[in-house]
């Protein structure tokens, strides 16, 4: 029997695949997108901000997040290999809650 995960569990799991940027970031566990947004809009690195913006865009691309919009080119130019891998794994089989 397959256990269905909630959208909140799935997005938190996706966020944790961005190892140095989002593990331990506010709003990941428990999932509170506004807390993640506030954190990402504060003084964080460009890579951290883009990782958070990506997760928030997957969660709700129609919202105007305080941290801004996800910028793929900026993300790819600042992320390390582990972050590229996390993004590409999602992109190979994208999903949205």
N, C-alpha and C. Protein backbone atom coordinates (compact mmCIF):
# COMPACT_ATOMS: atom_id res chain seq x y z
N UNK A 1 0.84 -1.18 0.00
CA UNK A 1 0.00 0.00 0.00
C UNK A 1 0.89 1.25 0.00
N UNK A 2 0.62 2.16 -0.90
CA UNK A 2 1.38 3.40 -0.99
C UNK A 2 0.80 4.43 -0.04
N UNK A 3 1.66 5.04 0.73
CA UNK A 3 1.23 6.08 1.66
C UNK A 3 1.24 7.41 0.93
N UNK A 4 0.12 8.07 0.93
CA UNK A 4 0.01 9.39 0.29
C UNK A 4 0.56 10.45 1.24
N UNK A 5 1.46 11.26 0.72
CA UNK A 5 1.98 12.37 1.51
C UNK A 5 1.17 13.61 1.20
N UNK A 6 1.03 14.46 2.18
CA UNK A 6 0.31 15.71 1.97
C UNK A 6 1.16 16.64 1.11
N UNK A 7 0.54 17.64 0.48
CA UNK A 7 1.33 18.62 -0.27
C UNK A 7 2.39 19.29 0.61
N UNK A 8 2.04 19.55 1.86
CA UNK A 8 2.98 20.18 2.79
C UNK A 8 4.19 19.29 3.05
N UNK A 9 3.96 18.00 3.19
CA UNK A 9 5.06 17.05 3.40
C UNK A 9 5.94 16.97 2.15
N UNK A 10 5.31 16.95 0.99
CA UNK A 10 6.08 16.86 -0.27
C UNK A 10 6.94 18.10 -0.49
N UNK A 11 6.39 19.29 -0.23
CA UNK A 11 7.16 20.51 -0.48
C UNK A 11 8.30 20.64 0.52
N UNK A 12 8.06 20.24 1.77
CA UNK A 12 9.13 20.27 2.77
C UNK A 12 10.24 19.29 2.39
N UNK A 13 9.85 18.13 1.87
CA UNK A 13 10.84 17.15 1.43
C UNK A 13 11.65 17.70 0.25
N UNK A 14 10.99 18.36 -0.69
CA UNK A 14 11.70 18.98 -1.81
C UNK A 14 12.67 20.05 -1.30
N UNK A 15 12.23 20.86 -0.38
CA UNK A 15 13.09 21.92 0.17
C UNK A 15 14.34 21.34 0.81
N UNK A 16 14.19 20.22 1.48
CA UNK A 16 15.35 19.61 2.15
C UNK A 16 16.37 19.04 1.17
N UNK A 17 16.02 18.94 -0.12
CA UNK A 17 17.00 18.47 -1.10
C UNK A 17 17.98 19.57 -1.48
N UNK A 18 17.73 20.80 -1.03
CA UNK A 18 18.66 21.92 -1.24
C UNK A 18 19.49 22.04 0.04
N UNK A 19 20.57 21.27 0.13
CA UNK A 19 21.24 21.01 1.40
C UNK A 19 21.77 22.22 2.16
N UNK A 20 22.56 23.04 1.54
CA UNK A 20 23.16 24.11 2.32
C UNK A 20 22.28 25.34 2.40
N UNK A 21 21.25 25.42 1.59
CA UNK A 21 20.42 26.62 1.57
C UNK A 21 19.21 26.54 2.48
N UNK A 22 18.49 25.45 2.44
CA UNK A 22 17.17 25.44 3.08
C UNK A 22 17.03 24.51 4.27
N UNK A 23 17.98 23.63 4.50
CA UNK A 23 17.88 22.75 5.67
C UNK A 23 17.95 23.63 6.92
N UNK A 24 16.91 23.59 7.70
CA UNK A 24 16.85 24.39 8.92
C UNK A 24 16.29 25.79 8.72
N UNK A 25 15.95 26.15 7.49
CA UNK A 25 15.37 27.48 7.26
C UNK A 25 13.97 27.55 7.86
N UNK A 26 13.59 28.70 8.40
CA UNK A 26 12.24 28.85 8.95
C UNK A 26 11.19 28.60 7.88
N UNK A 27 10.13 27.93 8.27
CA UNK A 27 9.01 27.70 7.37
C UNK A 27 9.06 26.39 6.62
N UNK A 28 10.16 25.64 6.76
CA UNK A 28 10.25 24.36 6.06
C UNK A 28 9.50 23.27 6.82
N UNK A 29 9.81 23.13 8.10
CA UNK A 29 9.13 22.12 8.90
C UNK A 29 8.80 22.71 10.26
N UNK A 30 7.55 22.91 10.57
CA UNK A 30 6.41 22.64 9.70
C UNK A 30 6.34 23.64 8.55
N UNK A 31 5.66 23.24 7.49
CA UNK A 31 5.57 24.07 6.29
C UNK A 31 4.73 25.31 6.56
N UNK A 32 5.38 26.45 6.47
CA UNK A 32 4.74 27.75 6.63
C UNK A 32 5.34 28.66 5.56
N UNK A 33 4.73 28.71 4.38
CA UNK A 33 5.35 29.45 3.27
C UNK A 33 5.63 30.92 3.58
N UNK A 34 4.79 31.56 4.35
CA UNK A 34 5.04 32.98 4.67
C UNK A 34 6.30 33.14 5.53
N UNK A 35 6.58 32.17 6.40
CA UNK A 35 7.81 32.23 7.20
C UNK A 35 9.04 32.05 6.32
N UNK A 36 8.97 31.12 5.37
CA UNK A 36 10.08 30.93 4.44
C UNK A 36 10.27 32.19 3.60
N UNK A 37 9.19 32.77 3.15
CA UNK A 37 9.25 34.00 2.35
C UNK A 37 9.90 35.14 3.14
N UNK A 38 9.49 35.32 4.38
CA UNK A 38 10.08 36.39 5.21
C UNK A 38 11.57 36.17 5.40
N UNK A 39 11.96 34.93 5.65
CA UNK A 39 13.38 34.61 5.82
C UNK A 39 14.15 34.91 4.53
N UNK A 40 13.60 34.48 3.40
CA UNK A 40 14.28 34.67 2.12
C UNK A 40 14.35 36.14 1.71
N UNK A 41 13.43 36.95 2.20
CA UNK A 41 13.44 38.38 1.88
C UNK A 41 14.41 39.14 2.79
N UNK A 42 14.94 38.46 3.80
CA UNK A 42 15.87 39.11 4.73
C UNK A 42 17.30 39.00 4.19
N UNK A 43 18.24 39.17 5.05
CA UNK A 43 19.65 39.14 4.65
C UNK A 43 20.11 37.68 4.53
N UNK A 44 19.93 37.12 3.35
CA UNK A 44 20.40 35.76 3.05
C UNK A 44 21.22 35.84 1.77
N UNK A 45 21.94 34.79 1.48
CA UNK A 45 22.74 34.79 0.25
C UNK A 45 21.83 34.69 -0.97
N UNK A 46 22.38 35.02 -2.12
CA UNK A 46 21.62 34.92 -3.37
C UNK A 46 21.19 33.49 -3.63
N UNK A 47 22.06 32.54 -3.35
CA UNK A 47 21.72 31.13 -3.55
C UNK A 47 20.60 30.68 -2.64
N UNK A 48 20.64 31.11 -1.38
CA UNK A 48 19.57 30.78 -0.44
C UNK A 48 18.25 31.39 -0.90
N UNK A 49 18.31 32.64 -1.32
CA UNK A 49 17.10 33.32 -1.79
C UNK A 49 16.51 32.60 -3.00
N UNK A 50 17.35 32.23 -3.95
CA UNK A 50 16.84 31.57 -5.14
C UNK A 50 16.28 30.18 -4.82
N UNK A 51 16.90 29.48 -3.90
CA UNK A 51 16.36 28.17 -3.49
C UNK A 51 14.98 28.35 -2.87
N UNK A 52 14.84 29.33 -1.99
CA UNK A 52 13.54 29.59 -1.36
C UNK A 52 12.53 30.05 -2.41
N UNK A 53 12.94 30.92 -3.31
CA UNK A 53 12.03 31.39 -4.36
C UNK A 53 11.56 30.23 -5.24
N UNK A 54 12.46 29.30 -5.52
CA UNK A 54 12.08 28.13 -6.31
C UNK A 54 11.01 27.32 -5.57
N UNK A 55 11.26 27.02 -4.30
CA UNK A 55 10.30 26.23 -3.52
C UNK A 55 8.95 26.96 -3.45
N UNK A 56 8.99 28.25 -3.22
CA UNK A 56 7.74 29.02 -3.15
C UNK A 56 7.03 29.05 -4.50
N UNK A 57 7.78 29.09 -5.60
CA UNK A 57 7.17 29.07 -6.94
C UNK A 57 6.51 27.72 -7.22
N UNK A 58 7.14 26.64 -6.77
CA UNK A 58 6.50 25.33 -6.92
C UNK A 58 5.22 25.29 -6.09
N UNK A 59 5.28 25.83 -4.90
CA UNK A 59 4.12 25.83 -4.01
C UNK A 59 2.97 26.67 -4.58
N UNK A 60 3.29 27.89 -5.01
CA UNK A 60 2.25 28.80 -5.50
C UNK A 60 2.90 29.87 -6.39
N UNK A 61 2.95 29.60 -7.67
CA UNK A 61 3.62 30.52 -8.59
C UNK A 61 2.82 31.79 -8.84
N UNK A 62 1.58 31.81 -8.41
CA UNK A 62 0.75 32.98 -8.63
C UNK A 62 0.84 34.04 -7.54
N UNK A 63 1.50 33.70 -6.44
CA UNK A 63 1.62 34.67 -5.34
C UNK A 63 2.76 35.63 -5.59
N UNK A 64 2.60 36.83 -5.09
CA UNK A 64 3.68 37.83 -5.13
C UNK A 64 4.45 37.71 -3.82
N UNK A 65 5.49 36.90 -3.84
CA UNK A 65 6.29 36.66 -2.64
C UNK A 65 7.21 37.84 -2.38
N UNK A 66 7.41 38.17 -1.11
CA UNK A 66 8.29 39.28 -0.73
C UNK A 66 9.73 39.06 -1.17
N UNK A 67 10.15 37.81 -1.26
CA UNK A 67 11.53 37.51 -1.65
C UNK A 67 11.75 37.67 -3.15
N UNK A 68 10.68 37.87 -3.90
CA UNK A 68 10.79 38.05 -5.34
C UNK A 68 10.44 36.79 -6.10
N UNK A 69 10.66 36.84 -7.40
CA UNK A 69 10.35 35.71 -8.27
C UNK A 69 11.59 34.84 -8.45
N UNK A 70 11.36 33.58 -8.70
CA UNK A 70 12.45 32.66 -8.98
C UNK A 70 13.08 33.02 -10.32
N UNK A 71 14.39 33.15 -10.34
CA UNK A 71 15.15 33.49 -11.55
C UNK A 71 16.09 32.33 -11.84
N UNK A 72 15.74 31.52 -12.83
CA UNK A 72 16.51 30.32 -13.14
C UNK A 72 17.96 30.63 -13.47
N UNK A 73 18.20 31.64 -14.27
CA UNK A 73 19.58 31.96 -14.66
C UNK A 73 20.41 32.39 -13.45
N UNK A 74 19.82 33.20 -12.59
CA UNK A 74 20.53 33.62 -11.38
C UNK A 74 20.79 32.42 -10.47
N UNK A 75 19.78 31.56 -10.35
CA UNK A 75 19.93 30.38 -9.50
C UNK A 75 21.06 29.49 -10.01
N UNK A 76 21.04 29.18 -11.29
CA UNK A 76 22.06 28.29 -11.83
C UNK A 76 23.46 28.88 -11.74
N UNK A 77 23.55 30.19 -11.77
CA UNK A 77 24.88 30.82 -11.69
C UNK A 77 25.39 30.91 -10.25
N UNK A 78 24.51 30.73 -9.26
CA UNK A 78 24.96 30.84 -7.87
C UNK A 78 24.94 29.51 -7.13
N UNK A 79 24.12 28.56 -7.56
CA UNK A 79 24.02 27.28 -6.86
C UNK A 79 25.24 26.41 -7.12
N UNK A 80 25.53 25.56 -6.14
CA UNK A 80 26.58 24.56 -6.30
C UNK A 80 26.00 23.31 -6.97
N UNK A 81 26.84 22.31 -7.15
CA UNK A 81 26.42 21.10 -7.85
C UNK A 81 25.27 20.39 -7.15
N UNK A 82 25.28 20.36 -5.83
CA UNK A 82 24.20 19.69 -5.09
C UNK A 82 22.86 20.37 -5.34
N UNK A 83 22.87 21.69 -5.43
CA UNK A 83 21.64 22.43 -5.69
C UNK A 83 21.19 22.24 -7.13
N UNK A 84 22.14 22.23 -8.06
CA UNK A 84 21.79 21.94 -9.46
C UNK A 84 21.11 20.58 -9.54
N UNK A 85 21.69 19.60 -8.85
CA UNK A 85 21.14 18.24 -8.87
C UNK A 85 19.73 18.21 -8.28
N UNK A 86 19.52 18.93 -7.19
CA UNK A 86 18.18 18.98 -6.57
C UNK A 86 17.17 19.56 -7.55
N UNK A 87 17.54 20.65 -8.20
CA UNK A 87 16.64 21.28 -9.17
C UNK A 87 16.38 20.35 -10.36
N UNK A 88 17.44 19.76 -10.91
CA UNK A 88 17.29 18.91 -12.09
C UNK A 88 16.48 17.65 -11.79
N UNK A 89 16.61 17.13 -10.58
CA UNK A 89 15.80 15.97 -10.19
C UNK A 89 14.32 16.34 -10.21
N UNK A 90 13.99 17.51 -9.66
CA UNK A 90 12.59 17.96 -9.71
C UNK A 90 12.17 18.21 -11.15
N UNK A 91 13.02 18.88 -11.94
CA UNK A 91 12.67 19.24 -13.32
C UNK A 91 12.46 18.02 -14.21
N UNK A 92 13.12 16.91 -13.89
CA UNK A 92 12.95 15.69 -14.68
C UNK A 92 11.54 15.11 -14.52
N UNK A 93 10.94 15.34 -13.36
CA UNK A 93 9.57 14.89 -13.09
C UNK A 93 8.87 15.94 -12.25
N UNK A 94 8.57 17.09 -12.85
CA UNK A 94 8.00 18.19 -12.07
C UNK A 94 6.61 17.86 -11.52
N UNK A 95 6.33 18.44 -10.41
CA UNK A 95 5.02 18.29 -9.77
C UNK A 95 4.69 19.58 -9.04
N UNK A 96 3.43 19.80 -8.84
CA UNK A 96 2.95 20.96 -8.09
C UNK A 96 1.88 20.48 -7.14
N UNK A 97 1.81 21.09 -5.97
CA UNK A 97 0.76 20.66 -5.01
C UNK A 97 -0.64 20.99 -5.52
